[in-house]
Amino acid sequence: MEQIVIVGAGVSGLVAAINCEAAGFSPILIDADKKIGGRTQSNEYENFILDKGFQVLLTEYEFVKKYRRKRA
């Protein structure tokens, strides 16, 4: 089986990895950063949530709902 490497662990890379796994592959996901999320990352500092970059992800889009993880 061929190896799939996904460069970038932002939203698109994560969705690509989910779809590859659903198709039976075991992709390798790499990113320059230590954390996943790309421009949608947030950091916590002194009880404040700070967005890393400007990115709006509207959770009501049907495509987003498809991949949104349910919270326990």
PDB file of N, CA and C in Angstrom:
ATOM      1  N   MET A   1       0.842  -1.173   0.000  1.00  0.00           N
ATOM      2  CA  MET A   1       0.000   0.000   0.000  1.00  0.00           C
ATOM      3  C   MET A   1       0.890   1.241   0.000  1.00  0.00           C
ATOM      4  N   GLU A   2       0.465   2.247  -0.716  1.00  0.00           N
ATOM      5  CA  GLU A   2       1.236   3.483  -0.795  1.00  0.00           C
ATOM      6  C   GLU A   2       1.069   4.301   0.472  1.00  0.00           C
ATOM      7  N   GLN A   3       2.115   5.057   0.807  1.00  0.00           N
ATOM      8  CA  GLN A   3       2.082   5.913   1.985  1.00  0.00           C
ATOM      9  C   GLN A   3       1.563   7.297   1.616  1.00  0.00           C
ATOM     10  N   ILE A   4       0.668   7.828   2.407  1.00  0.00           N
ATOM     11  CA  ILE A   4       0.128   9.166   2.195  1.00  0.00           C
ATOM     12  C   ILE A   4       0.705  10.081   3.263  1.00  0.00           C
ATOM     13  N   VAL A   5       1.284  11.208   2.840  1.00  0.00           N
ATOM     14  CA  VAL A   5       1.813  12.208   3.758  1.00  0.00           C
ATOM     15  C   VAL A   5       1.037  13.498   3.534  1.00  0.00           C
ATOM     16  N   ILE A   6       0.479  14.032   4.600  1.00  0.00           N
ATOM     17  CA  ILE A   6      -0.273  15.275   4.548  1.00  0.00           C
ATOM     18  C   ILE A   6       0.564  16.340   5.233  1.00  0.00           C
ATOM     19  N   VAL A   7       0.857  17.410   4.502  1.00  0.00           N
ATOM     20  CA  VAL A   7       1.660  18.506   5.050  1.00  0.00           C
ATOM     21  C   VAL A   7       0.716  19.615   5.488  1.00  0.00           C
ATOM     22  N   GLY A   8       0.721  19.880   6.774  1.00  0.00           N
ATOM     23  CA  GLY A   8      -0.129  20.918   7.341  1.00  0.00           C
ATOM     24  C   GLY A   8      -1.243  20.320   8.175  1.00  0.00           C
ATOM     25  N   ALA A   9      -1.268  20.674   9.450  1.00  0.00           N
ATOM     26  CA  ALA A   9      -2.272  20.142  10.368  1.00  0.00           C
ATOM     27  C   ALA A   9      -3.318  21.191  10.712  1.00  0.00           C
ATOM     28  N   GLY A  10      -3.650  22.012   9.706  1.00  0.00           N
ATOM     29  CA  GLY A  10      -4.762  22.935   9.861  1.00  0.00           C
ATOM     30  C   GLY A  10      -6.060  22.198   9.581  1.00  0.00           C
ATOM     31  N   VAL A  11      -7.124  22.943   9.432  1.00  0.00           N
ATOM     32  CA  VAL A  11      -8.442  22.326   9.217  1.00  0.00           C
ATOM     33  C   VAL A  11      -8.426  21.418   7.988  1.00  0.00           C
ATOM     34  N   SER A  12      -7.882  21.885   6.884  1.00  0.00           N
ATOM     35  CA  SER A  12      -7.881  21.072   5.652  1.00  0.00           C
ATOM     36  C   SER A  12      -7.065  19.802   5.809  1.00  0.00           C
ATOM     37  N   GLY A  13      -5.903  19.907   6.430  1.00  0.00           N
ATOM     38  CA  GLY A  13      -5.068  18.727   6.645  1.00  0.00           C
ATOM     39  C   GLY A  13      -5.729  17.705   7.551  1.00  0.00           C
ATOM     40  N   LEU A  14      -6.400  18.194   8.592  1.00  0.00           N
ATOM     41  CA  LEU A  14      -7.091  17.284   9.510  1.00  0.00           C
ATOM     42  C   LEU A  14      -8.248  16.568   8.824  1.00  0.00           C
ATOM     43  N   VAL A  15      -9.010  17.296   8.021  1.00  0.00           N
ATOM     44  CA  VAL A  15     -10.122  16.674   7.289  1.00  0.00           C
ATOM     45  C   VAL A  15      -9.579  15.675   6.264  1.00  0.00           C
ATOM     46  N   ALA A  16      -8.482  16.020   5.611  1.00  0.00           N
ATOM     47  CA  ALA A  16      -7.868  15.083   4.658  1.00  0.00           C
ATOM     48  C   ALA A  16      -7.445  13.801   5.369  1.00  0.00           C
ATOM     49  N   ALA A  17      -6.870  13.929   6.560  1.00  0.00           N
ATOM     50  CA  ALA A  17      -6.445  12.747   7.318  1.00  0.00           C
ATOM     51  C   ALA A  17      -7.642  11.894   7.721  1.00  0.00           C
ATOM     52  N   ILE A  18      -8.725  12.525   8.146  1.00  0.00           N
ATOM     53  CA  ILE A  18      -9.945  11.786   8.509  1.00  0.00           C
ATOM     54  C   ILE A  18     -10.459  10.997   7.312  1.00  0.00           C
ATOM     55  N   ASN A  19     -10.501  11.637   6.145  1.00  0.00           N
ATOM     56  CA  ASN A  19     -10.998  10.961   4.944  1.00  0.00           C
ATOM     57  C   ASN A  19     -10.073   9.848   4.490  1.00  0.00           C
ATOM     58  N   CYS A  20      -8.767  10.045   4.609  1.00  0.00           N
ATOM     59  CA  CYS A  20      -7.820   8.985   4.256  1.00  0.00           C
ATOM     60  C   CYS A  20      -8.005   7.779   5.169  1.00  0.00           C
ATOM     61  N   GLU A  21      -8.160   8.035   6.469  1.00  0.00           N
ATOM     62  CA  GLU A  21      -8.369   6.930   7.406  1.00  0.00           C
ATOM     63  C   GLU A  21      -9.683   6.201   7.125  1.00  0.00           C
ATOM     64  N   ALA A  22     -10.721   6.947   6.767  1.00  0.00           N
ATOM     65  CA  ALA A  22     -12.005   6.322   6.438  1.00  0.00           C
ATOM     66  C   ALA A  22     -11.892   5.434   5.201  1.00  0.00           C
ATOM     67  N   ALA A  23     -10.945   5.764   4.316  1.00  0.00           N
ATOM     68  CA  ALA A  23     -10.728   4.970   3.101  1.00  0.00           C
ATOM     69  C   ALA A  23      -9.752   3.815   3.331  1.00  0.00           C
ATOM     70  N   GLY A  24      -9.296   3.654   4.590  1.00  0.00           N
ATOM     71  CA  GLY A  24      -8.429   2.520   4.903  1.00  0.00           C
ATOM     72  C   GLY A  24      -6.948   2.810   4.908  1.00  0.00           C
ATOM     73  N   PHE A  25      -6.559   4.047   4.756  1.00  0.00           N
ATOM     74  CA  PHE A  25      -5.144   4.414   4.768  1.00  0.00           C
ATOM     75  C   PHE A  25      -4.723   4.830   6.180  1.00  0.00           C
ATOM     76  N   SER A  26      -3.423   4.889   6.396  1.00  0.00           N
ATOM     77  CA  SER A  26      -2.851   5.389   7.650  1.00  0.00           C
ATOM     78  C   SER A  26      -1.937   6.555   7.309  1.00  0.00           C
ATOM     79  N   PRO A  27      -2.507   7.731   7.096  1.00  0.00           N
ATOM     80  CA  PRO A  27      -1.685   8.868   6.656  1.00  0.00           C
ATOM     81  C   PRO A  27      -0.757   9.368   7.751  1.00  0.00           C
ATOM     82  N   ILE A  28       0.334   9.967   7.321  1.00  0.00           N
ATOM     83  CA  ILE A  28       1.234  10.670   8.224  1.00  0.00           C
ATOM     84  C   ILE A  28       0.915  12.148   8.082  1.00  0.00           C
ATOM     85  N   LEU A  29       0.662  12.802   9.194  1.00  0.00           N
ATOM     86  CA  LEU A  29       0.297  14.215   9.214  1.00  0.00           C
ATOM     87  C   LEU A  29       1.447  14.979   9.858  1.00  0.00           C
ATOM     88  N   ILE A  30       2.047  15.921   9.097  1.00  0.00           N
ATOM     89  CA  ILE A  30       3.178  16.682   9.635  1.00  0.00           C
ATOM     90  C   ILE A  30       2.864  18.177   9.569  1.00  0.00           C
ATOM     91  N   ASP A  31       3.434  18.913  10.493  1.00  0.00           N
ATOM     92  CA  ASP A  31       3.245  20.355  10.547  1.00  0.00           C
ATOM     93  C   ASP A  31       4.485  20.974  11.179  1.00  0.00           C
ATOM     94  N   ALA A  32       4.765  22.211  10.832  1.00  0.00           N
ATOM     95  CA  ALA A  32       5.912  22.914  11.393  1.00  0.00           C
ATOM     96  C   ALA A  32       5.690  23.280  12.856  1.00  0.00           C
ATOM     97  N   ASP A  33       4.433  23.390  13.250  1.00  0.00           N
ATOM     98  CA  ASP A  33       4.101  23.773  14.620  1.00  0.00           C
ATOM     99  C   ASP A  33       3.985  22.534  15.503  1.00  0.00           C
ATOM    100  N   LYS A  34       4.052  22.731  16.805  1.00  0.00           N
ATOM    101  CA  LYS A  34       3.918  21.626  17.749  1.00  0.00           C
ATOM    102  C   LYS A  34       2.462  21.236  17.977  1.00  0.00           C
ATOM    103  N   LYS A  35       1.536  22.165  17.700  1.00  0.00           N
ATOM    104  CA  LYS A  35       0.112  21.923  17.937  1.00  0.00           C
ATOM    105  C   LYS A  35      -0.642  21.899  16.612  1.00  0.00           C
ATOM    106  N   ILE A  36      -1.745  21.168  16.592  1.00  0.00           N
ATOM    107  CA  ILE A  36      -2.585  21.137  15.402  1.00  0.00           C
ATOM    108  C   ILE A  36      -3.519  22.333  15.387  1.00  0.00           C
ATOM    109  N   GLY A  37      -4.094  22.612  14.232  1.00  0.00           N
ATOM    110  CA  GLY A  37      -5.103  23.653  14.134  1.00  0.00           C
ATOM    111  C   GLY A  37      -4.792  24.763  13.158  1.00  0.00           C
ATOM    112  N   GLY A  38      -3.532  24.932  12.802  1.00  0.00           N
ATOM    113  CA  GLY A  38      -3.183  25.988  11.851  1.00  0.00           C
ATOM    114  C   GLY A  38      -3.630  27.357  12.337  1.00  0.00           C
ATOM    115  N   ARG A  39      -4.325  28.087  11.476  1.00  0.00           N
ATOM    116  CA  ARG A  39      -4.768  29.439  11.818  1.00  0.00           C
ATOM    117  C   ARG A  39      -5.956  29.460  12.768  1.00  0.00           C
ATOM    118  N   THR A  40      -6.504  28.303  13.088  1.00  0.00           N
ATOM    119  CA  THR A  40      -7.636  28.274  14.011  1.00  0.00           C
ATOM    120  C   THR A  40      -7.214  27.984  15.445  1.00  0.00           C
ATOM    121  N   GLN A  41      -5.921  28.006  15.727  1.00  0.00           N
ATOM    122  CA  GLN A  41      -5.443  27.750  17.084  1.00  0.00           C
ATOM    123  C   GLN A  41      -5.742  28.917  18.011  1.00  0.00           C
ATOM    124  N   SER A  42      -5.868  28.578  19.275  1.00  0.00           N
ATOM    125  CA  SER A  42      -5.985  29.586  20.325  1.00  0.00           C
ATOM    126  C   SER A  42      -5.017  29.215  21.436  1.00  0.00           C
ATOM    127  N   ASN A  43      -4.529  30.214  22.124  1.00  0.00           N
ATOM    128  CA  ASN A  43      -3.653  30.002  23.271  1.00  0.00           C
ATOM    129  C   ASN A  43      -4.299  30.637  24.487  1.00  0.00           C
ATOM    130  N   GLU A  44      -4.069  30.026  25.646  1.00  0.00           N
ATOM    131  CA  GLU A  44      -4.592  30.594  26.877  1.00  0.00           C
ATOM    132  C   GLU A  44      -3.462  31.298  27.612  1.00  0.00           C
ATOM    133  N   TYR A  45      -3.730  32.523  28.055  1.00  0.00           N
ATOM    134  CA  TYR A  45      -2.750  33.310  28.785  1.00  0.00           C
ATOM    135  C   TYR A  45      -3.472  34.070  29.893  1.00  0.00           C
ATOM    136  N   GLU A  46      -3.129  33.774  31.125  1.00  0.00           N
ATOM    137  CA  GLU A  46      -3.727  34.428  32.288  1.00  0.00           C
ATOM    138  C   GLU A  46      -5.254  34.459  32.207  1.00  0.00           C
ATOM    139  N   ASN A  47      -5.834  33.298  31.942  1.00  0.00           N
ATOM    140  CA  ASN A  47      -7.296  33.114  31.848  1.00  0.00           C
ATOM    141  C   ASN A  47      -7.945  33.830  30.671  1.00  0.00           C
ATOM    142  N   PHE A  48      -7.172  34.249  29.710  1.00  0.00           N
ATOM    143  CA  PHE A  48      -7.710  34.828  28.481  1.00  0.00           C
ATOM    144  C   PHE A  48      -7.436  33.873  27.338  1.00  0.00           C
ATOM    145  N   ILE A  49      -8.376  33.780  26.399  1.00  0.00           N
ATOM    146  CA  ILE A  49      -8.185  32.981  25.195  1.00  0.00           C
ATOM    147  C   ILE A  49      -7.749  33.933  24.083  1.00  0.00           C
ATOM    148  N   LEU A  50      -6.593  33.676  23.508  1.00  0.00           N
ATOM    149  CA  LEU A  50      -6.031  34.526  22.459  1.00  0.00           C
ATOM    150  C   LEU A  50      -5.957  33.741  21.159  1.00  0.00           C
ATOM    151  N   ASP A  51      -6.584  34.248  20.110  1.00  0.00           N
ATOM    152  CA  ASP A  51      -6.519  33.595  18.807  1.00  0.00           C
ATOM    153  C   ASP A  51      -5.141  33.783  18.212  1.00  0.00           C
ATOM    154  N   LYS A  52      -4.616  32.719  17.613  1.00  0.00           N
ATOM    155  CA  LYS A  52      -3.275  32.776  17.029  1.00  0.00           C
ATOM    156  C   LYS A  52      -3.271  33.580  15.732  1.00  0.00           C
ATOM    157  N   GLY A  53      -4.272  33.415  14.940  1.00  0.00           N
ATOM    158  CA  GLY A  53      -4.343  34.119  13.669  1.00  0.00           C
ATOM    159  C   GLY A  53      -5.782  34.410  13.333  1.00  0.00           C
ATOM    160  N   PHE A  54      -6.001  35.228  12.339  1.00  0.00           N
ATOM    161  CA  PHE A  54      -7.370  35.559  11.987  1.00  0.00           C
ATOM    162  C   PHE A  54      -7.947  34.469  11.102  1.00  0.00           C
ATOM    163  N   GLN A  55      -8.893  33.750  11.625  1.00  0.00           N
ATOM    164  CA  GLN A  55      -9.577  32.720  10.868  1.00  0.00           C
ATOM    165  C   GLN A  55     -10.950  32.532  11.479  1.00  0.00           C
ATOM    166  N   VAL A  56     -11.964  32.589  10.679  1.00  0.00           N
ATOM    167  CA  VAL A  56     -13.324  32.398  11.165  1.00  0.00           C
ATOM    168  C   VAL A  56     -13.822  31.054  10.649  1.00  0.00           C
ATOM    169  N   LEU A  57     -14.242  30.203  11.552  1.00  0.00           N
ATOM    170  CA  LEU A  57     -14.800  28.907  11.192  1.00  0.00           C
ATOM    171  C   LEU A  57     -16.223  28.879  11.735  1.00  0.00           C
ATOM    172  N   LEU A  58     -17.175  29.034  10.857  1.00  0.00           N
ATOM    173  CA  LEU A  58     -18.570  29.076  11.264  1.00  0.00           C
ATOM    174  C   LEU A  58     -19.085  27.657  11.477  1.00  0.00           C
ATOM    175  N   THR A  59     -19.448  27.356  12.692  1.00  0.00           N
ATOM    176  CA  THR A  59     -19.827  25.982  13.058  1.00  0.00           C
ATOM    177  C   THR A  59     -21.189  25.563  12.536  1.00  0.00           C
ATOM    178  N   GLU A  60     -21.953  26.469  11.961  1.00  0.00           N
ATOM    179  CA  GLU A  60     -23.262  26.118  11.425  1.00  0.00           C
ATOM    180  C   GLU A  60     -23.222  25.667   9.969  1.00  0.00           C
ATOM    181  N   TYR A  61     -22.072  25.786   9.317  1.00  0.00           N
ATOM    182  CA  TYR A  61     -21.956  25.260   7.958  1.00  0.00           C
ATOM    183  C   TYR A  61     -22.124  23.743   7.993  1.00  0.00           C
ATOM    184  N   GLU A  62     -22.848  23.182   7.035  1.00  0.00           N
ATOM    185  CA  GLU A  62     -23.092  21.740   7.007  1.00  0.00           C
ATOM    186  C   GLU A  62     -21.791  20.941   6.949  1.00  0.00           C
ATOM    187  N   PHE A  63     -20.816  21.425   6.182  1.00  0.00           N
ATOM    188  CA  PHE A  63     -19.540  20.709   6.070  1.00  0.00           C
ATOM    189  C   PHE A  63     -18.825  20.669   7.414  1.00  0.00           C
ATOM    190  N   VAL A  64     -18.897  21.745   8.152  1.00  0.00           N
ATOM    191  CA  VAL A  64     -18.256  21.789   9.472  1.00  0.00           C
ATOM    192  C   VAL A  64     -18.967  20.839  10.425  1.00  0.00           C
ATOM    193  N   LYS A  65     -20.279  20.811  10.383  1.00  0.00           N
ATOM    194  CA  LYS A  65     -21.045  19.911  11.248  1.00  0.00           C
ATOM    195  C   LYS A  65     -20.672  18.454  11.002  1.00  0.00           C
ATOM    196  N   LYS A  66     -20.360  18.134   9.765  1.00  0.00           N
ATOM    197  CA  LYS A  66     -20.008  16.752   9.413  1.00  0.00           C
ATOM    198  C   LYS A  66     -18.759  16.282  10.159  1.00  0.00           C
ATOM    199  N   TYR A  67     -17.804  17.181  10.362  1.00  0.00           N
ATOM    200  CA  TYR A  67     -16.522  16.807  10.970  1.00  0.00           C
ATOM    201  C   TYR A  67     -16.360  17.282  12.408  1.00  0.00           C
ATOM    202  N   ARG A  68     -17.350  17.946  12.922  1.00  0.00           N
ATOM    203  CA  ARG A  68     -17.256  18.493  14.269  1.00  0.00           C
ATOM    204  C   ARG A  68     -17.316  17.364  15.294  1.00  0.00           C
ATOM    205  N   ARG A  69     -16.382  17.390  16.212  1.00  0.00           N
ATOM    206  CA  ARG A  69     -16.335  16.383  17.258  1.00  0.00           C
ATOM    207  C   ARG A  69     -17.356  16.731  18.336  1.00  0.00           C
ATOM    208  N   LYS A  70     -18.117  15.750  18.730  1.00  0.00           N
ATOM    209  CA  LYS A  70     -19.116  15.951  19.774  1.00  0.00           C
ATOM    210  C   LYS A  70     -18.416  16.020  21.127  1.00  0.00           C
ATOM    211  N   ARG A  71     -18.798  16.990  21.933  1.00  0.00           N
ATOM    212  CA  ARG A  71     -18.232  17.111  23.276  1.00  0.00           C
ATOM    213  C   ARG A  71     -19.004  16.229  24.241  1.00  0.00           C
ATOM    214  N   ALA A  72     -18.293  15.638  25.165  1.00  0.00           N
ATOM    215  CA  ALA A  72     -18.923  14.742  26.152  1.00  0.00           C
ATOM    216  C   ALA A  72     -19.622  15.526  27.248  1.00  0.00           C
TER     217      ALA A  72
END
